[in-house]
Amino acid sequence: MTTFQRAHVHRLVKLLTESGRRRLIAITGPRQTGKTTIARQALAALESSGIAWRYVAVDAPPGTGPELQPGDTHSWPDFPEPSHTDGRAFVGQRDSRWLVGIWEQARYAAERSPRGAVLVLDEIQDVPEWSRTVKGLWDQDQATGCPLGVVVMGSAPLQLLIGLGERLVGRFLPFPVSHWSLAEMVGAFDCSMDQYLFFGGYPAAAERWDVEDDWRSYIEDGIVQRNVERDILSLTRVDKPALLSNLLELGSVYSGQILSYNKMVGQLRDAGNTTTLARYLTLLSGAGLLAGLGNYSSKTHRRRASSPKLNVLNTALMTASSGYTFEEARADRSFWGRIVESAVGAHLHNTRAPGVKLHYWRGNGLEVDFVLARGPRLTAIEVKTGRRRGAVSGMEAFTRRFKPTRTEVVGTGGVALHEFLSEPASFWLE
């Protein structure tokens, strides 16, 4: 695991070392998907490039100072923590003045380094009003030509991380990091297909697979709870936090199934109205937890008004809360079939390129599991795991009505599951 590198590392190194305009990069993605590891591995690759760098964990306890990679001759000296403008030592929370001090140190190093410097700010959302401060500092650097590249990191969607009221998205180069794919988990941990389907794509959880109770606690407490509390509730207004948590729990139980908003209201306490549920689903999707797919239609307003198909974005969220052990899940063919379908949906959602939409289709009692759409291109996908269902008739009905450019069956009689999970969503649109 320590030597495994995702493809993101090479891309980040390229962005940080290319000549020309300096970058303000925003690395975002679900919690525990390796964003910090990607940044650290990229910084290690800068050692021979003549670029100075510093990694700062914003959520580290005050007084510990910014982190410095031992032995890196290109990183600048370990200055003490910044002071307030009146000269008093800073020992309180890390606020905008603290951020300005860190940035000033980075500027000093960048001006004295042969190829400039890179500053990485991890968990940037812990600095109040950070985006306004970064905007001002970055604009100053662009005006003066300071050779400083900056990377900010957080576990929330870029729009939520920056702030819904801020117009800063254009200044940032988005660098999304999603859940680990089958190929990545196999490469890092030599896991089997069944292990990937059940335990999901959380790399830090792999060492807990042998003790399933420990693994389950890690998923529920270390990922689900922290995602909700730190990455959603702390960054946006949620009037009914218990409802948001209950919606995630409901979605984990019903992953792979179509559930109307009215039915959700009936099953959730204090559910409010369907508009609230739809907004909470959007927040959960942005945090990499749960998506609500719309029914495909050539008319946009009908897609928005349709009952959502719930789909966890990492199968660990579904299995950890199920109570099933690994062996029990494999023995229950119906439940295992839903895991497989959820894994396909999660893969398509997580690997979509910008502009690619993911839906399902239901009409006249017939269904197609997933529909990929990009401009005029349309791909219908059906997942078959031996369950009794009208897969062929559903695909035929969809084809007659919408004339997709491509149809695919995943599993029995079609593309092997491991082959399908080895290609991004855009591949299946070609």
Foldseek 3Di string as FASTA:
>chain_A
DLPDADPLLVVVLCLCQDDDDAAAAEEEAAPQQCPVVSVVSNVVVCLPVQAEEFEAELPPQFQPATDDDPPRPSHDDRDGQDDAPVPHRDRDHCELRSVVRVVVVQLVSQVVTPQGYEYEYEQQLSYPLSLVSCVVSVVVCVVVVRRYHYYYYDLFFPCLSNAVPDDCPVRYDYRYGYFDFPVSCCVVPVDDPLCCLQLWRRVVLVVVLVPLVVSLCCCVPVGLVCLLVPHPVVRDDDPCSVLLSVLLVVLLQQALAFDALVNVPVVDPPNPDSVSVVVSQVRCVRSQFKHWAFADDPDPVNRVNGTTRIATLINNSNNSSPPDRSVRCVVPLVNVQSSLLSSLVNQQSRQDDPQKGKHWHDDPRATFRIWIDHVLAIETEHEDDPDDDDHPVNVVVCCVVNVHPYYFYEDPPTPDSVVSSVDYNVVRRD
